[in-house]
């Protein structure tokens, strides 16, 4: 008497189903990457906390393009001084600023671009003391500029002169949201070949940062929320 073929047929059907579904055996999940993150529990008037990140696009550009990304890298040393490093990347850009924020405001000690470090002495006052903001506020200054190559040699020296005017306070809307901004005009001259554009307008919002950068970039998103009570 022939042996029943049901068990063989079932096995064949099982093989076909397993092949169609990829596998009937449990699959190990792909391993994740080793990363770190910094919880953002608060943001200061001049945002300096490690891990804060902003995305920008040029004003007038079609939305959805590749952004420039600015991120606070955290505390480091620059010329032997404790500073906060902030880096911009995207579209081939790679620039890091070294700043100190204290009771006098925000001071820029220098910056780094591929192949060169720019040192400023005394530090450039980018923003005033927090309580000083008002329409009509002005501040000026002058710094000695030293350009240092990656090999440590001095590539150039000169003088940077800057002036700021707070023109108005108004509400603006960008892809990043609605903001109450201080409108500031910045004028710069230098003797090192026009390292910085001569005149720019920037928009600053406390507890948010630059809504419009001096380079004409508008804020499109950020990785932190406004403060409670509606105040940015």
Protein backbone atom coordinates (compact mmCIF):
# COMPACT_ATOMS: atom_id res chain seq x y z
CA UNK A 1 0.00 0.00 0.00
CA UNK A 2 1.53 3.39 -0.98
CA UNK A 3 2.56 5.64 1.89
CA UNK A 4 0.46 8.81 2.36
CA UNK A 5 2.00 11.87 0.71
CA UNK A 6 0.30 14.52 2.88
CA UNK A 7 3.35 15.14 5.08
CA UNK A 8 5.61 15.60 2.05
CA UNK A 9 3.13 17.98 0.41
CA UNK A 10 2.82 20.01 3.61
CA UNK A 11 6.58 20.30 3.84
CA UNK A 12 6.84 21.51 0.26
CA UNK A 13 4.10 24.09 0.80
CA UNK A 14 5.83 25.27 3.95
CA UNK A 15 9.09 25.76 2.07
CA UNK A 16 7.34 27.82 -0.61
CA UNK A 17 5.61 30.02 1.97
CA UNK A 18 8.82 30.58 3.90
CA UNK A 19 10.65 31.58 0.69
CA UNK A 20 7.89 34.03 -0.22
CA UNK A 21 7.89 35.63 3.21
CA UNK A 22 11.66 35.87 3.38
CA UNK A 23 12.03 33.43 6.26
CA UNK A 24 9.92 31.65 8.81
CA UNK A 25 12.70 31.84 11.35
CA UNK A 26 13.01 34.87 13.68
CA UNK A 27 15.29 37.54 12.20
CA UNK A 28 17.80 39.49 14.24
CA UNK A 29 17.23 43.26 14.05
CA UNK A 30 19.94 45.41 12.54
CA UNK A 31 22.23 46.87 15.21
CA UNK A 32 21.86 50.56 15.91
CA UNK A 33 24.64 53.10 15.86
CA UNK A 34 26.43 54.33 18.95
CA UNK A 35 25.35 57.94 19.53
CA UNK A 36 24.98 60.48 22.30
CA UNK A 37 22.49 63.26 22.93
CA UNK A 38 22.16 66.14 25.37
CA UNK A 39 18.73 66.73 26.95
CA UNK A 40 17.63 70.33 26.37
CA UNK A 41 15.94 71.43 29.57
CA UNK A 42 16.42 75.18 29.16
CA UNK A 43 17.61 77.82 26.72
CA UNK A 44 19.33 81.05 27.75
CA UNK A 45 18.67 84.56 26.44
CA UNK A 46 21.64 84.13 24.11
CA UNK A 47 21.30 80.39 23.33
CA UNK A 48 24.61 78.71 24.14
CA UNK A 49 23.53 75.31 25.45
CA UNK A 50 25.22 72.23 24.02
CA UNK A 51 23.11 70.40 21.43
CA UNK A 52 20.98 73.31 20.25
CA UNK A 53 20.53 73.19 16.49
CA UNK A 54 19.08 75.52 13.87
CA UNK A 55 18.41 75.01 10.15
CA UNK A 56 18.47 77.89 7.64
CA UNK A 57 17.86 78.52 3.96
CA UNK A 58 18.69 81.60 1.87
CA UNK A 59 15.98 84.23 1.82
CA UNK A 60 13.94 84.02 -1.42
CA UNK A 61 14.89 80.41 -2.16
CA UNK A 62 12.27 77.73 -2.85
CA UNK A 63 11.35 75.97 0.38
CA UNK A 64 12.53 72.43 1.00
CA UNK A 65 16.08 72.80 -0.26
CA UNK A 66 19.17 71.50 1.48
CA UNK A 67 19.59 73.59 4.64
CA UNK A 68 22.57 75.11 6.33
CA UNK A 69 22.75 73.60 9.81
CA UNK A 70 24.12 75.49 12.82
CA UNK A 71 24.81 73.50 15.98
CA UNK A 72 26.22 74.35 19.38
CA UNK A 73 29.04 71.89 19.97
CA UNK A 74 29.61 72.87 23.60
CA UNK A 75 32.50 74.14 25.73
CA UNK A 76 36.04 74.06 24.39
CA UNK A 77 39.27 76.08 24.49
CA UNK A 78 40.32 78.73 22.00
CA UNK A 79 43.63 80.48 22.50
CA UNK A 80 43.70 79.17 26.05
CA UNK A 81 40.27 80.64 26.93
CA UNK A 82 37.08 78.76 27.76
CA UNK A 83 34.55 79.34 24.97
CA UNK A 84 31.50 77.80 23.35
CA UNK A 85 31.94 76.39 19.84
CA UNK A 86 29.19 76.76 17.22
CA UNK A 87 29.53 75.10 13.83
CA UNK A 88 27.79 75.67 10.50
CA UNK A 89 27.72 72.94 7.86
CA UNK A 90 25.80 72.25 4.66
CA UNK A 91 26.21 72.94 0.93
CA UNK A 92 29.97 72.71 1.31
CA UNK A 93 30.12 75.21 4.17
CA UNK A 94 32.20 74.37 7.23
CA UNK A 95 32.80 77.15 9.72
CA UNK A 96 33.12 77.19 13.49
CA UNK A 97 32.76 80.25 15.74
CA UNK A 98 34.24 80.54 19.25
CA UNK A 99 32.24 82.77 21.60
CA UNK A 100 31.79 83.79 25.21
CA UNK A 101 28.39 84.88 26.57
CA UNK A 102 28.42 86.71 29.90
CA UNK A 103 26.98 89.79 31.62
CA UNK A 104 28.57 92.08 29.01
CA UNK A 105 26.90 90.29 26.09
CA UNK A 106 28.25 87.93 23.43
CA UNK A 107 31.87 88.23 22.33
CA UNK A 108 33.47 86.50 19.35
CA UNK A 109 37.07 85.48 20.01
CA UNK A 110 37.63 83.93 16.62
CA UNK A 111 36.49 81.48 14.01
CA UNK A 112 37.81 78.64 11.91
CA UNK A 113 37.39 77.87 8.23
CA UNK A 114 39.10 75.04 6.32
CA UNK A 115 42.81 75.79 6.34
CA UNK A 116 42.74 78.95 8.42
CA UNK A 117 41.90 80.17 11.93
CA UNK A 118 40.91 83.80 12.50
CA UNK A 119 41.82 85.28 15.88
CA UNK A 120 40.33 88.56 17.16
CA UNK A 121 41.96 90.71 19.85
CA UNK A 122 40.16 92.13 21.71
CA UNK A 123 37.11 89.98 21.15
CA UNK A 124 34.40 91.34 18.84
CA UNK A 125 31.23 92.34 20.73
CA UNK A 126 28.45 90.78 18.63
CA UNK A 127 25.55 91.37 21.06
CA UNK A 128 25.09 93.72 24.03
CA UNK A 129 24.15 92.95 27.62
CA UNK A 130 20.69 91.39 27.83
CA UNK A 131 19.11 94.41 29.55
CA UNK A 132 20.56 96.90 27.05
CA UNK A 133 18.26 96.07 24.13
CA UNK A 134 16.19 99.00 22.86
CA UNK A 135 15.41 100.68 19.56
CA UNK A 136 18.22 103.11 18.72
CA UNK A 137 20.90 101.23 20.65
CA UNK A 138 24.33 101.42 19.04
CA UNK A 139 27.70 99.90 19.80
CA UNK A 140 31.04 99.96 18.04
CA UNK A 141 34.45 98.40 18.36
CA UNK A 142 37.73 97.48 16.76
CA UNK A 143 39.74 94.25 16.84
CA UNK A 144 43.13 93.19 15.57
CA UNK A 145 42.78 90.27 13.16
CA UNK A 146 45.34 87.49 12.82
CA UNK A 147 45.01 84.77 10.19
CA UNK A 148 46.79 81.56 11.18
CA UNK A 149 47.28 78.57 8.87
CA UNK A 150 46.96 74.95 9.88
CA UNK A 151 50.75 74.74 10.08
CA UNK A 152 50.78 77.51 12.69
CA UNK A 153 52.23 80.20 10.44
CA UNK A 154 50.68 83.68 10.32
CA UNK A 155 49.07 84.24 6.93
CA UNK A 156 48.06 87.85 7.49
CA UNK A 157 47.16 90.54 9.99
CA UNK A 158 44.94 93.58 9.95
CA UNK A 159 42.25 95.58 11.69
CA UNK A 160 38.50 94.98 11.89
CA UNK A 161 36.12 97.86 12.69
CA UNK A 162 32.43 97.24 13.38
CA UNK A 163 29.29 99.18 14.29
CA UNK A 164 25.74 98.08 15.14
CA UNK A 165 22.38 99.86 15.17
CA UNK A 166 19.14 98.40 16.56
CA UNK A 167 16.64 99.80 14.08
CA UNK A 168 13.31 98.43 15.24
CA UNK A 169 11.39 95.63 16.88
CA UNK A 170 8.75 93.84 14.83
CA UNK A 171 6.97 90.54 14.26
CA UNK A 172 8.09 88.37 11.36
CA UNK A 173 7.16 84.94 10.06
CA UNK A 174 9.59 82.46 8.51
CA UNK A 175 9.23 78.75 7.73
CA UNK A 176 10.50 78.24 11.28
CA UNK A 177 7.58 80.06 12.89
CA UNK A 178 6.41 83.49 14.02
CA UNK A 179 8.91 85.61 15.93
CA UNK A 180 9.20 88.94 17.70
CA UNK A 181 12.60 90.14 16.44
CA UNK A 182 15.06 92.93 16.99
CA UNK A 183 16.14 94.26 13.59
CA UNK A 184 19.87 95.08 13.65
CA UNK A 185 22.08 96.61 10.96
CA UNK A 186 25.75 95.67 11.15
CA UNK A 187 28.52 97.49 9.28
CA UNK A 188 32.05 96.13 9.01
CA UNK A 189 35.30 97.23 7.43
CA UNK A 190 38.64 95.44 7.60
CA UNK A 191 42.14 95.60 6.20
CA UNK A 192 42.49 91.88 5.51
CA UNK A 193 40.84 91.75 2.12
CA UNK A 194 37.16 92.03 2.98
CA UNK A 195 36.96 89.00 5.23
CA UNK A 196 33.40 89.97 6.16
CA UNK A 197 30.67 91.60 4.01
CA UNK A 198 30.47 95.36 4.53
CA UNK A 199 26.81 95.76 5.56
CA UNK A 200 24.25 93.21 6.70
CA UNK A 201 20.90 93.12 8.46
CA UNK A 202 20.15 90.46 11.04
CA UNK A 203 17.11 89.59 13.13
CA UNK A 204 17.55 88.42 16.70
CA UNK A 205 14.96 86.90 19.06
CA UNK A 206 15.80 86.29 22.73
CA UNK A 207 15.83 82.60 23.73
CA UNK A 208 15.76 81.62 20.03
CA UNK A 209 18.81 83.19 18.39
CA UNK A 210 19.20 84.57 14.88
CA UNK A 211 16.01 84.35 12.86
CA UNK A 212 17.81 86.01 9.96
CA UNK A 213 21.58 85.69 9.87
CA UNK A 214 23.93 88.39 8.57
CA UNK A 215 24.43 86.17 5.50
CA UNK A 216 20.73 86.48 4.58
CA UNK A 217 19.68 83.02 5.80
CA UNK A 218 16.19 82.58 7.29
CA UNK A 219 15.39 80.18 10.11
CA UNK A 220 13.40 77.16 8.90
CA UNK A 221 13.48 74.91 11.96
CA UNK A 222 15.14 74.27 15.33
CA UNK A 223 15.35 71.39 17.75
CA UNK A 224 14.01 73.22 20.80
CA UNK A 225 10.62 74.68 21.68
CA UNK A 226 9.63 78.19 22.79
CA UNK A 227 9.54 78.95 26.48
CA UNK A 228 6.25 78.50 28.31
CA UNK A 229 3.79 81.40 28.34
CA UNK A 230 4.31 82.18 24.68
CA UNK A 231 7.65 83.90 25.15
CA UNK A 232 10.22 82.52 22.68
